[in-house]
Amino acid sequence: QVQLVESGGGLVQPGGSLRLSCVASGISVAFNTMGWYRQAQGKQREFVALIFDNGSTHYADSMKGRFTISRDNTKNTVYLQLDSLKPEDTAVYYCSLRGRTEYWGQGTQVTVSS
């Protein structure tokens, strides 16, 4: 059974940082394309970042330079480093496996506020 479990969200001040984790089971992150998406309250889900099976990455333009996606194949975990956070980054952040079948985690809440 495929499971994705996100963690690491919380409350941070503008300009602060968080590192989100997505622990996968039932699949290997090394051999799949993994992504992060987010959904703010009252808004549609939007793309954040991708890491392909070959290790290359792709980011939404508005997040490029502030967010970094990475993975640890030994831990079977994908990460999203969030830096220089802004209030508009407040959202539930979801981990996703992108393949013939899509899988989603439960999400982790990130709140950026003074």
PDB file of N, CA and C in Angstrom:
ATOM      1  N   GLN A   1       0.844  -1.184   0.000  1.00  0.00           N
ATOM      2  CA  GLN A   1       0.000   0.000   0.000  1.00  0.00           C
ATOM      3  C   GLN A   1       0.888   1.245   0.000  1.00  0.00           C
ATOM      4  N   VAL A   2       0.564   2.200  -0.850  1.00  0.00           N
ATOM      5  CA  VAL A   2       1.317   3.440  -0.944  1.00  0.00           C
ATOM      6  C   VAL A   2       0.798   4.423   0.093  1.00  0.00           C
ATOM      7  N   GLN A   3       1.722   4.984   0.861  1.00  0.00           N
ATOM      8  CA  GLN A   3       1.378   6.013   1.824  1.00  0.00           C
ATOM      9  C   GLN A   3       2.414   7.125   1.786  1.00  0.00           C
ATOM     10  N   LEU A   4       1.943   8.357   1.887  1.00  0.00           N
ATOM     11  CA  LEU A   4       2.791   9.534   1.964  1.00  0.00           C
ATOM     12  C   LEU A   4       2.369  10.317   3.196  1.00  0.00           C
ATOM     13  N   VAL A   5       3.312  10.589   4.077  1.00  0.00           N
ATOM     14  CA  VAL A   5       3.007  11.262   5.335  1.00  0.00           C
ATOM     15  C   VAL A   5       3.868  12.505   5.454  1.00  0.00           C
ATOM     16  N   GLU A   6       3.222  13.672   5.430  1.00  0.00           N
ATOM     17  CA  GLU A   6       3.926  14.942   5.549  1.00  0.00           C
ATOM     18  C   GLU A   6       4.047  15.355   7.011  1.00  0.00           C
ATOM     19  N   SER A   7       5.083  16.116   7.306  1.00  0.00           N
ATOM     20  CA  SER A   7       5.268  16.691   8.626  1.00  0.00           C
ATOM     21  C   SER A   7       6.163  17.913   8.499  1.00  0.00           C
ATOM     22  N   GLY A   8       6.285  18.668   9.577  1.00  0.00           N
ATOM     23  CA  GLY A   8       7.199  19.794   9.622  1.00  0.00           C
ATOM     24  C   GLY A   8       6.557  21.158   9.516  1.00  0.00           C
ATOM     25  N   GLY A   9       5.263  21.202   9.279  1.00  0.00           N
ATOM     26  CA  GLY A   9       4.584  22.481   9.210  1.00  0.00           C
ATOM     27  C   GLY A   9       4.462  23.121  10.577  1.00  0.00           C
ATOM     28  N   GLY A  10       4.046  24.373  10.577  1.00  0.00           N
ATOM     29  CA  GLY A  10       3.886  25.094  11.820  1.00  0.00           C
ATOM     30  C   GLY A  10       3.718  26.574  11.583  1.00  0.00           C
ATOM     31  N   LEU A  11       3.823  27.339  12.665  1.00  0.00           N
ATOM     32  CA  LEU A  11       3.692  28.792  12.628  1.00  0.00           C
ATOM     33  C   LEU A  11       5.070  29.433  12.622  1.00  0.00           C
ATOM     34  N   VAL A  12       5.314  30.292  11.638  1.00  0.00           N
ATOM     35  CA  VAL A  12       6.585  31.005  11.540  1.00  0.00           C
ATOM     36  C   VAL A  12       6.329  32.465  11.205  1.00  0.00           C
ATOM     37  N   GLN A  13       7.293  33.317  11.554  1.00  0.00           N
ATOM     38  CA  GLN A  13       7.213  34.733  11.220  1.00  0.00           C
ATOM     39  C   GLN A  13       7.609  34.968   9.769  1.00  0.00           C
ATOM     40  N   PRO A  14       7.132  36.052   9.170  1.00  0.00           N
ATOM     41  CA  PRO A  14       7.615  36.401   7.830  1.00  0.00           C
ATOM     42  C   PRO A  14       9.135  36.469   7.795  1.00  0.00           C
ATOM     43  N   GLY A  15       9.707  35.911   6.738  1.00  0.00           N
ATOM     44  CA  GLY A  15      11.147  35.833   6.616  1.00  0.00           C
ATOM     45  C   GLY A  15      11.756  34.586   7.224  1.00  0.00           C
ATOM     46  N   GLY A  16      10.955  33.816   7.933  1.00  0.00           N
ATOM     47  CA  GLY A  16      11.435  32.614   8.582  1.00  0.00           C
ATOM     48  C   GLY A  16      11.518  31.431   7.640  1.00  0.00           C
ATOM     49  N   SER A  17      11.888  30.283   8.214  1.00  0.00           N
ATOM     50  CA  SER A  17      12.110  29.072   7.436  1.00  0.00           C
ATOM     51  C   SER A  17      11.463  27.865   8.086  1.00  0.00           C
ATOM     52  N   LEU A  18      11.136  26.892   7.267  1.00  0.00           N
ATOM     53  CA  LEU A  18      10.664  25.588   7.703  1.00  0.00           C
ATOM     54  C   LEU A  18      11.200  24.538   6.746  1.00  0.00           C
ATOM     55  N   ARG A  19      11.340  23.316   7.237  1.00  0.00           N
ATOM     56  CA  ARG A  19      11.634  22.195   6.370  1.00  0.00           C
ATOM     57  C   ARG A  19      10.524  21.159   6.519  1.00  0.00           C
ATOM     58  N   LEU A  20       9.841  20.905   5.428  1.00  0.00           N
ATOM     59  CA  LEU A  20       8.784  19.916   5.398  1.00  0.00           C
ATOM     60  C   LEU A  20       9.337  18.569   4.959  1.00  0.00           C
ATOM     61  N   SER A  21       8.790  17.507   5.525  1.00  0.00           N
ATOM     62  CA  SER A  21       9.211  16.156   5.183  1.00  0.00           C
ATOM     63  C   SER A  21       8.027  15.359   4.669  1.00  0.00           C
ATOM     64  N   CYS A  22       8.301  14.443   3.765  1.00  0.00           N
ATOM     65  CA  CYS A  22       7.304  13.514   3.251  1.00  0.00           C
ATOM     66  C   CYS A  22       7.922  12.128   3.266  1.00  0.00           C
ATOM     67  N   VAL A  23       7.478  11.310   4.199  1.00  0.00           N
ATOM     68  CA  VAL A  23       7.979   9.946   4.316  1.00  0.00           C
ATOM     69  C   VAL A  23       7.083   9.027   3.506  1.00  0.00           C
ATOM     70  N   ALA A  24       7.681   8.305   2.572  1.00  0.00           N
ATOM     71  CA  ALA A  24       6.935   7.424   1.688  1.00  0.00           C
ATOM     72  C   ALA A  24       7.073   5.976   2.123  1.00  0.00           C
ATOM     73  N   SER A  25       6.015   5.226   1.922  1.00  0.00           N
ATOM     74  CA  SER A  25       6.043   3.785   2.113  1.00  0.00           C
ATOM     75  C   SER A  25       5.263   3.135   0.980  1.00  0.00           C
ATOM     76  N   GLY A  26       5.645   1.925   0.635  1.00  0.00           N
ATOM     77  CA  GLY A  26       5.007   1.227  -0.470  1.00  0.00           C
ATOM     78  C   GLY A  26       5.569   1.587  -1.835  1.00  0.00           C
ATOM     79  N   ILE A  27       6.396   2.612  -1.912  1.00  0.00           N
ATOM     80  CA  ILE A  27       7.080   3.024  -3.134  1.00  0.00           C
ATOM     81  C   ILE A  27       8.464   3.527  -2.767  1.00  0.00           C
ATOM     82  N   SER A  28       9.319   3.630  -3.755  1.00  0.00           N
ATOM     83  CA  SER A  28      10.649   4.187  -3.559  1.00  0.00           C
ATOM     84  C   SER A  28      10.708   5.559  -4.205  1.00  0.00           C
ATOM     85  N   VAL A  29      11.069   6.582  -3.435  1.00  0.00           N
ATOM     86  CA  VAL A  29      11.156   7.928  -3.989  1.00  0.00           C
ATOM     87  C   VAL A  29      12.274   8.032  -5.016  1.00  0.00           C
ATOM     88  N   ALA A  30      13.240   7.123  -4.950  1.00  0.00           N
ATOM     89  CA  ALA A  30      14.364   7.150  -5.880  1.00  0.00           C
ATOM     90  C   ALA A  30      13.941   6.850  -7.310  1.00  0.00           C
ATOM     91  N   PHE A  31      12.853   6.146  -7.484  1.00  0.00           N
ATOM     92  CA  PHE A  31      12.438   5.694  -8.803  1.00  0.00           C
ATOM     93  C   PHE A  31      11.134   6.326  -9.268  1.00  0.00           C
ATOM     94  N   ASN A  32      10.759   7.421  -8.642  1.00  0.00           N
ATOM     95  CA  ASN A  32       9.515   8.095  -8.979  1.00  0.00           C
ATOM     96  C   ASN A  32       9.714   9.600  -9.010  1.00  0.00           C
ATOM     97  N   THR A  33       8.821  10.271  -9.702  1.00  0.00           N
ATOM     98  CA  THR A  33       8.749  11.717  -9.652  1.00  0.00           C
ATOM     99  C   THR A  33       7.864  12.120  -8.482  1.00  0.00           C
ATOM    100  N   MET A  34       8.413  12.958  -7.604  1.00  0.00           N
ATOM    101  CA  MET A  34       7.709  13.398  -6.420  1.00  0.00           C
ATOM    102  C   MET A  34       7.506  14.904  -6.477  1.00  0.00           C
ATOM    103  N   GLY A  35       6.392  15.354  -5.945  1.00  0.00           N
ATOM    104  CA  GLY A  35       6.091  16.776  -5.991  1.00  0.00           C
ATOM    105  C   GLY A  35       5.519  17.310  -4.702  1.00  0.00           C
ATOM    106  N   TRP A  36       5.594  18.628  -4.567  1.00  0.00           N
ATOM    107  CA  TRP A  36       4.931  19.362  -3.503  1.00  0.00           C
ATOM    108  C   TRP A  36       3.930  20.322  -4.123  1.00  0.00           C
ATOM    109  N   TYR A  37       2.754  20.373  -3.522  1.00  0.00           N
ATOM    110  CA  TYR A  37       1.690  21.282  -3.912  1.00  0.00           C
ATOM    111  C   TYR A  37       1.151  21.940  -2.659  1.00  0.00           C
ATOM    112  N   ARG A  38       0.442  23.037  -2.826  1.00  0.00           N
ATOM    113  CA  ARG A  38      -0.140  23.693  -1.665  1.00  0.00           C
ATOM    114  C   ARG A  38      -1.522  24.212  -1.995  1.00  0.00           C
ATOM    115  N   GLN A  39      -2.316  24.367  -0.957  1.00  0.00           N
ATOM    116  CA  GLN A  39      -3.659  24.896  -1.108  1.00  0.00           C
ATOM    117  C   GLN A  39      -3.950  25.846   0.040  1.00  0.00           C
ATOM    118  N   ALA A  40      -4.106  27.115  -0.292  1.00  0.00           N
ATOM    119  CA  ALA A  40      -4.489  28.114   0.694  1.00  0.00           C
ATOM    120  C   ALA A  40      -5.991  28.082   0.890  1.00  0.00           C
ATOM    121  N   GLN A  41      -6.433  28.541   2.045  1.00  0.00           N
ATOM    122  CA  GLN A  41      -7.853  28.527   2.365  1.00  0.00           C
ATOM    123  C   GLN A  41      -8.625  29.354   1.346  1.00  0.00           C
ATOM    124  N   GLY A  42      -9.653  28.756   0.761  1.00  0.00           N
ATOM    125  CA  GLY A  42     -10.470  29.437  -0.216  1.00  0.00           C
ATOM    126  C   GLY A  42      -9.889  29.510  -1.606  1.00  0.00           C
ATOM    127  N   LYS A  43      -8.747  28.873  -1.841  1.00  0.00           N
ATOM    128  CA  LYS A  43      -8.101  28.904  -3.140  1.00  0.00           C
ATOM    129  C   LYS A  43      -7.879  27.491  -3.662  1.00  0.00           C
ATOM    130  N   GLN A  44      -7.606  27.388  -4.949  1.00  0.00           N
ATOM    131  CA  GLN A  44      -7.327  26.096  -5.560  1.00  0.00           C
ATOM    132  C   GLN A  44      -5.904  25.643  -5.250  1.00  0.00           C
ATOM    133  N   ARG A  45      -5.698  24.349  -5.345  1.00  0.00           N
ATOM    134  CA  ARG A  45      -4.377  23.781  -5.153  1.00  0.00           C
ATOM    135  C   ARG A  45      -3.437  24.280  -6.249  1.00  0.00           C
ATOM    136  N   GLU A  46      -2.203  24.586  -5.879  1.00  0.00           N
ATOM    137  CA  GLU A  46      -1.234  25.050  -6.845  1.00  0.00           C
ATOM    138  C   GLU A  46       0.070  24.274  -6.740  1.00  0.00           C
ATOM    139  N   PHE A  47       0.761  24.215  -7.842  1.00  0.00           N
ATOM    140  CA  PHE A  47       2.036  23.531  -7.934  1.00  0.00           C
ATOM    141  C   PHE A  47       3.121  24.314  -7.220  1.00  0.00           C
ATOM    142  N   VAL A  48       4.003  23.594  -6.527  1.00  0.00           N
ATOM    143  CA  VAL A  48       5.128  24.205  -5.839  1.00  0.00           C
ATOM    144  C   VAL A  48       6.461  23.754  -6.441  1.00  0.00           C
ATOM    145  N   ALA A  49       6.705  22.437  -6.446  1.00  0.00           N
ATOM    146  CA  ALA A  49       8.003  21.934  -6.878  1.00  0.00           C
ATOM    147  C   ALA A  49       7.903  20.465  -7.256  1.00  0.00           C
ATOM    148  N   LEU A  50       8.818  20.022  -8.122  1.00  0.00           N
ATOM    149  CA  LEU A  50       8.943  18.632  -8.528  1.00  0.00           C
ATOM    150  C   LEU A  50      10.392  18.190  -8.428  1.00  0.00           C
ATOM    151  N   ILE A  51      10.589  16.938  -8.082  1.00  0.00           N
ATOM    152  CA  ILE A  51      11.884  16.304  -8.242  1.00  0.00           C
ATOM    153  C   ILE A  51      11.667  15.019  -9.032  1.00  0.00           C
ATOM    154  N   PHE A  52      12.372  14.908 -10.165  1.00  0.00           N
ATOM    155  CA  PHE A  52      12.209  13.774 -11.051  1.00  0.00           C
ATOM    156  C   PHE A  52      13.066  12.606 -10.594  1.00  0.00           C
ATOM    157  N   ASP A  53      12.806  11.440 -11.187  1.00  0.00           N
ATOM    158  CA  ASP A  53      13.551  10.256 -10.768  1.00  0.00           C
ATOM    159  C   ASP A  53      15.046  10.385 -11.044  1.00  0.00           C
ATOM    160  N   ASN A  54      15.432  11.210 -12.024  1.00  0.00           N
ATOM    161  CA  ASN A  54      16.849  11.426 -12.297  1.00  0.00           C
ATOM    162  C   ASN A  54      17.473  12.499 -11.410  1.00  0.00           C
ATOM    163  N   GLY A  55      16.687  13.082 -10.505  1.00  0.00           N
ATOM    164  CA  GLY A  55      17.191  14.065  -9.566  1.00  0.00           C
ATOM    165  C   GLY A  55      17.027  15.509  -9.980  1.00  0.00           C
ATOM    166  N   SER A  56      16.628  15.770 -11.211  1.00  0.00           N
ATOM    167  CA  SER A  56      16.409  17.144 -11.641  1.00  0.00           C
ATOM    168  C   SER A  56      15.172  17.712 -10.959  1.00  0.00           C
ATOM    169  N   THR A  57      15.112  19.033 -10.858  1.00  0.00           N
ATOM    170  CA  THR A  57      14.029  19.696 -10.139  1.00  0.00           C
ATOM    171  C   THR A  57      13.376  20.764 -10.994  1.00  0.00           C
ATOM    172  N   HIS A  58      12.167  21.118 -10.628  1.00  0.00           N
ATOM    173  CA  HIS A  58      11.409  22.154 -11.296  1.00  0.00           C
ATOM    174  C   HIS A  58      10.552  22.856 -10.256  1.00  0.00           C
ATOM    175  N   TYR A  59      10.458  24.198 -10.365  1.00  0.00           N
ATOM    176  CA  TYR A  59       9.744  25.000  -9.392  1.00  0.00           C
ATOM    177  C   TYR A  59       8.760  25.949 -10.055  1.00  0.00           C
ATOM    178  N   ALA A  60       7.722  26.276  -9.322  1.00  0.00           N
ATOM    179  CA  ALA A  60       6.882  27.384  -9.724  1.00  0.00           C
ATOM    180  C   ALA A  60       7.705  28.667  -9.688  1.00  0.00           C
ATOM    181  N   ASP A  61       7.473  29.562 -10.649  1.00  0.00           N
ATOM    182  CA  ASP A  61       8.294  30.758 -10.775  1.00  0.00           C
ATOM    183  C   ASP A  61       8.313  31.601  -9.499  1.00  0.00           C
ATOM    184  N   SER A  62       7.177  31.716  -8.842  1.00  0.00           N
ATOM    185  CA  SER A  62       7.082  32.564  -7.665  1.00  0.00           C
ATOM    186  C   SER A  62       7.832  32.010  -6.459  1.00  0.00           C
ATOM    187  N   MET A  63       8.178  30.745  -6.497  1.00  0.00           N
ATOM    188  CA  MET A  63       8.850  30.101  -5.375  1.00  0.00           C
ATOM    189  C   MET A  63      10.312  29.781  -5.654  1.00  0.00           C
ATOM    190  N   LYS A  64      10.709  29.874  -6.906  1.00  0.00           N
ATOM    191  CA  LYS A  64      12.083  29.600  -7.286  1.00  0.00           C
ATOM    192  C   LYS A  64      13.021  30.560  -6.563  1.00  0.00           C
ATOM    193  N   GLY A  65      14.054  30.005  -5.943  1.00  0.00           N
ATOM    194  CA  GLY A  65      15.000  30.802  -5.181  1.00  0.00           C
ATOM    195  C   GLY A  65      14.691  30.856  -3.702  1.00  0.00           C
ATOM    196  N   ARG A  66      13.457  30.575  -3.318  1.00  0.00           N
ATOM    197  CA  ARG A  66      13.070  30.561  -1.915  1.00  0.00           C
ATOM    198  C   ARG A  66      12.825  29.153  -1.397  1.00  0.00           C
ATOM    199  N   PHE A  67      12.337  28.277  -2.261  1.00  0.00           N
ATOM    200  CA  PHE A  67      12.012  26.907  -1.865  1.00  0.00           C
ATOM    201  C   PHE A  67      12.970  25.937  -2.549  1.00  0.00           C
ATOM    202  N   THR A  68      13.288  24.847  -1.859  1.00  0.00           N
ATOM    203  CA  THR A  68      14.180  23.837  -2.401  1.00  0.00           C
ATOM    204  C   THR A  68      13.616  22.451  -2.131  1.00  0.00           C
ATOM    205  N   ILE A  69      13.434  21.669  -3.185  1.00  0.00           N
ATOM    206  CA  ILE A  69      12.992  20.291  -3.044  1.00  0.00           C
ATOM    207  C   ILE A  69      14.208  19.374  -3.111  1.00  0.00           C
ATOM    208  N   SER A  70      14.199  18.349  -2.288  1.00  0.00           N
ATOM    209  CA  SER A  70      15.291  17.391  -2.273  1.00  0.00           C
ATOM    210  C   SER A  70      14.765  16.055  -1.785  1.00  0.00           C
ATOM    211  N   ARG A  71      15.607  15.042  -1.814  1.00  0.00           N
ATOM    212  CA  ARG A  71      15.201  13.733  -1.312  1.00  0.00           C
ATOM    213  C   ARG A  71      16.380  13.024  -0.688  1.00  0.00           C
ATOM    214  N   ASP A  72      16.061  12.120   0.209  1.00  0.00           N
ATOM    215  CA  ASP A  72      17.028  11.220   0.808  1.00  0.00           C
ATOM    216  C   ASP A  72      16.543   9.817   0.494  1.00  0.00           C
ATOM    217  N   ASN A  73      17.190   9.180  -0.463  1.00  0.00           N
ATOM    218  CA  ASN A  73      16.733   7.870  -0.909  1.00  0.00           C
ATOM    219  C   ASN A  73      16.864   6.811   0.181  1.00  0.00           C
ATOM    220  N   THR A  74      17.882   6.945   1.019  1.00  0.00           N
ATOM    221  CA  THR A  74      18.064   5.997   2.107  1.00  0.00           C
ATOM    222  C   THR A  74      16.900   6.048   3.089  1.00  0.00           C
ATOM    223  N   LYS A  75      16.436   7.259   3.385  1.00  0.00           N
ATOM    224  CA  LYS A  75      15.307   7.447   4.291  1.00  0.00           C
ATOM    225  C   LYS A  75      13.963   7.376   3.575  1.00  0.00           C
ATOM    226  N   ASN A  76      13.992   7.256   2.240  1.00  0.00           N
ATOM    227  CA  ASN A  76      12.780   7.227   1.435  1.00  0.00           C
ATOM    228  C   ASN A  76      11.894   8.432   1.750  1.00  0.00           C
ATOM    229  N   THR A  77      12.528   9.588   1.794  1.00  0.00           N
ATOM    230  CA  THR A  77      11.868  10.814   2.201  1.00  0.00           C
ATOM    231  C   THR A  77      12.176  11.936   1.215  1.00  0.00           C
ATOM    232  N   VAL A  78      11.170  12.719   0.894  1.00  0.00           N
ATOM    233  CA  VAL A  78      11.345  13.923   0.095  1.00  0.00           C
ATOM    234  C   VAL A  78      11.122  15.132   0.996  1.00  0.00           C
ATOM    235  N   TYR A  79      11.898  16.186   0.782  1.00  0.00           N
ATOM    236  CA  TYR A  79      11.853  17.372   1.620  1.00  0.00           C
ATOM    237  C   TYR A  79      11.489  18.603   0.799  1.00  0.00           C
ATOM    238  N   LEU A  80      10.938  19.576   1.476  1.00  0.00           N
ATOM    239  CA  LEU A  80      10.755  20.898   0.906  1.00  0.00           C
ATOM    240  C   LEU A  80      11.264  21.919   1.911  1.00  0.00           C
ATOM    241  N   GLN A  81      12.375  22.564   1.579  1.00  0.00           N
ATOM    242  CA  GLN A  81      12.927  23.621   2.400  1.00  0.00           C
ATOM    243  C   GLN A  81      12.266  24.935   2.014  1.00  0.00           C
ATOM    244  N   LEU A  82      11.637  25.575   2.978  1.00  0.00           N
ATOM    245  CA  LEU A  82      10.942  26.838   2.769  1.00  0.00           C
ATOM    246  C   LEU A  82      11.740  27.950   3.438  1.00  0.00           C
ATOM    247  N   ASP A  83      12.216  28.895   2.661  1.00  0.00           N
ATOM    248  CA  ASP A  83      12.978  30.027   3.176  1.00  0.00           C
ATOM    249  C   ASP A  83      12.311  31.332   2.764  1.00  0.00           C
ATOM    250  N   SER A  84      12.647  32.392   3.485  1.00  0.00           N
ATOM    251  CA  SER A  84      12.114  33.728   3.197  1.00  0.00           C
ATOM    252  C   SER A  84      10.598  33.700   3.069  1.00  0.00           C
ATOM    253  N   LEU A  85       9.969  33.077   4.031  1.00  0.00           N
ATOM    254  CA  LEU A  85       8.531  32.859   3.950  1.00  0.00           C
ATOM    255  C   LEU A  85       7.754  34.164   4.036  1.00  0.00           C
ATOM    256  N   LYS A  86       6.662  34.206   3.314  1.00  0.00           N
ATOM    257  CA  LYS A  86       5.769  35.351   3.254  1.00  0.00           C
ATOM    258  C   LYS A  86       4.388  34.940   3.733  1.00  0.00           C
ATOM    259  N   PRO A  87       3.589  35.891   4.221  1.00  0.00           N
ATOM    260  CA  PRO A  87       2.225  35.535   4.635  1.00  0.00           C
ATOM    261  C   PRO A  87       1.433  34.816   3.551  1.00  0.00           C
ATOM    262  N   GLU A  88       1.647  35.163   2.294  1.00  0.00           N
ATOM    263  CA  GLU A  88       0.930  34.521   1.210  1.00  0.00           C
ATOM    264  C   GLU A  88       1.354  33.078   0.971  1.00  0.00           C
ATOM    265  N   ASP A  89       2.406  32.620   1.658  1.00  0.00           N
ATOM    266  CA  ASP A  89       2.790  31.215   1.603  1.00  0.00           C
ATOM    267  C   ASP A  89       1.949  30.350   2.532  1.00  0.00           C
ATOM    268  N   THR A  90       1.121  30.972   3.346  1.00  0.00           N
ATOM    269  CA  THR A  90       0.263  30.226   4.260  1.00  0.00           C
ATOM    270  C   THR A  90      -0.653  29.298   3.475  1.00  0.00           C
ATOM    271  N   ALA A  91      -0.596  28.014   3.787  1.00  0.00           N
ATOM    272  CA  ALA A  91      -1.367  27.016   3.056  1.00  0.00           C
ATOM    273  C   ALA A  91      -1.137  25.654   3.687  1.00  0.00           C
ATOM    274  N   VAL A  92      -1.943  24.692   3.263  1.00  0.00           N
ATOM    275  CA  VAL A  92      -1.654  23.296   3.539  1.00  0.00           C
ATOM    276  C   VAL A  92      -0.766  22.789   2.417  1.00  0.00           C
ATOM    277  N   TYR A  93       0.358  22.206   2.775  1.00  0.00           N
ATOM    278  CA  TYR A  93       1.317  21.714   1.805  1.00  0.00           C
ATOM    279  C   TYR A  93       1.189  20.203   1.700  1.00  0.00           C
ATOM    280  N   TYR A  94       1.072  19.723   0.462  1.00  0.00           N
ATOM    281  CA  TYR A  94       0.843  18.310   0.197  1.00  0.00           C
ATOM    282  C   TYR A  94       1.998  17.708  -0.584  1.00  0.00           C
ATOM    283  N   CYS A  95       2.359  16.502  -0.220  1.00  0.00           N
ATOM    284  CA  CYS A  95       3.314  15.699  -0.963  1.00  0.00           C
ATOM    285  C   CYS A  95       2.554  14.806  -1.936  1.00  0.00           C
ATOM    286  N   SER A  96       3.121  14.595  -3.119  1.00  0.00           N
ATOM    287  CA  SER A  96       2.445  13.803  -4.138  1.00  0.00           C
ATOM    288  C   SER A  96       3.431  12.960  -4.931  1.00  0.00           C
ATOM    289  N   LEU A  97       3.028  11.739  -5.221  1.00  0.00           N
ATOM    290  CA  LEU A  97       3.734  10.889  -6.162  1.00  0.00           C
ATOM    291  C   LEU A  97       3.074  11.054  -7.519  1.00  0.00           C
ATOM    292  N   ARG A  98       3.869  11.411  -8.527  1.00  0.00           N
ATOM    293  CA  ARG A  98       3.360  11.669  -9.865  1.00  0.00           C
ATOM    294  C   ARG A  98       3.706  10.487 -10.760  1.00  0.00           C
ATOM    295  N   GLY A  99       2.713   9.730 -11.146  1.00  0.00           N
ATOM    296  CA  GLY A  99       2.929   8.568 -11.988  1.00  0.00           C
ATOM    297  C   GLY A  99       1.669   8.179 -12.714  1.00  0.00           C
ATOM    298  N   ARG A 100       1.616   6.937 -13.155  1.00  0.00           N
ATOM    299  CA  ARG A 100       0.392   6.444 -13.787  1.00  0.00           C
ATOM    300  C   ARG A 100      -0.795   6.593 -12.847  1.00  0.00           C
ATOM    301  N   THR A 101      -0.527   6.406 -11.575  1.00  0.00           N
ATOM    302  CA  THR A 101      -1.498   6.675 -10.530  1.00  0.00           C
ATOM    303  C   THR A 101      -0.920   7.732  -9.597  1.00  0.00           C
ATOM    304  N   GLU A 102      -1.724   8.719  -9.223  1.00  0.00           N
ATOM    305  CA  GLU A 102      -1.290   9.769  -8.317  1.00  0.00           C
ATOM    306  C   GLU A 102      -1.648   9.405  -6.882  1.00  0.00           C
ATOM    307  N   TYR A 103      -0.717   9.685  -5.978  1.00  0.00           N
ATOM    308  CA  TYR A 103      -0.941   9.485  -4.559  1.00  0.00           C
ATOM    309  C   TYR A 103      -0.663  10.787  -3.831  1.00  0.00           C
ATOM    310  N   TRP A 104      -1.423  11.026  -2.768  1.00  0.00           N
ATOM    311  CA  TRP A 104      -1.314  12.260  -2.002  1.00  0.00           C
ATOM    312  C   TRP A 104      -1.227  11.964  -0.520  1.00  0.00           C
ATOM    313  N   GLY A 105      -0.464  12.782   0.177  1.00  0.00           N
ATOM    314  CA  GLY A 105      -0.437  12.719   1.617  1.00  0.00           C
ATOM    315  C   GLY A 105      -1.590  13.492   2.211  1.00  0.00           C
ATOM    316  N   GLN A 106      -1.625  13.554   3.532  1.00  0.00           N
ATOM    317  CA  GLN A 106      -2.718  14.227   4.233  1.00  0.00           C
ATOM    318  C   GLN A 106      -2.509  15.732   4.334  1.00  0.00           C
ATOM    319  N   GLY A 107      -1.302  16.196   4.079  1.00  0.00           N
ATOM    320  CA  GLY A 107      -0.981  17.603   4.136  1.00  0.00           C
ATOM    321  C   GLY A 107      -0.456  18.040   5.490  1.00  0.00           C
ATOM    322  N   THR A 108       0.313  19.122   5.478  1.00  0.00           N
ATOM    323  CA  THR A 108       0.806  19.732   6.703  1.00  0.00           C
ATOM    324  C   THR A 108       0.624  21.245   6.597  1.00  0.00           C
ATOM    325  N   GLN A 109       0.115  21.851   7.658  1.00  0.00           N
ATOM    326  CA  GLN A 109      -0.237  23.262   7.653  1.00  0.00           C
ATOM    327  C   GLN A 109       0.987  24.135   7.886  1.00  0.00           C
ATOM    328  N   VAL A 110       1.177  25.109   7.008  1.00  0.00           N
ATOM    329  CA  VAL A 110       2.192  26.141   7.172  1.00  0.00           C
ATOM    330  C   VAL A 110       1.476  27.474   7.328  1.00  0.00           C
ATOM    331  N   THR A 111       1.758  28.165   8.424  1.00  0.00           N
ATOM    332  CA  THR A 111       1.167  29.471   8.681  1.00  0.00           C
ATOM    333  C   THR A 111       2.278  30.483   8.882  1.00  0.00           C
ATOM    334  N   VAL A 112       2.266  31.544   8.083  1.00  0.00           N
ATOM    335  CA  VAL A 112       3.269  32.601   8.157  1.00  0.00           C
ATOM    336  C   VAL A 112       2.568  33.864   8.629  1.00  0.00           C
ATOM    337  N   SER A 113       2.896  34.294   9.829  1.00  0.00           N
ATOM    338  CA  SER A 113       2.207  35.433  10.430  1.00  0.00           C
ATOM    339  C   SER A 113       3.075  36.066  11.504  1.00  0.00           C
ATOM    340  N   SER A 114       2.902  37.378  11.683  1.00  0.00           N
ATOM    341  CA  SER A 114       3.561  38.096  12.759  1.00  0.00           C
ATOM    342  C   SER A 114       2.776  38.018  14.054  1.00  0.00           C
TER     343      SER A 114
END
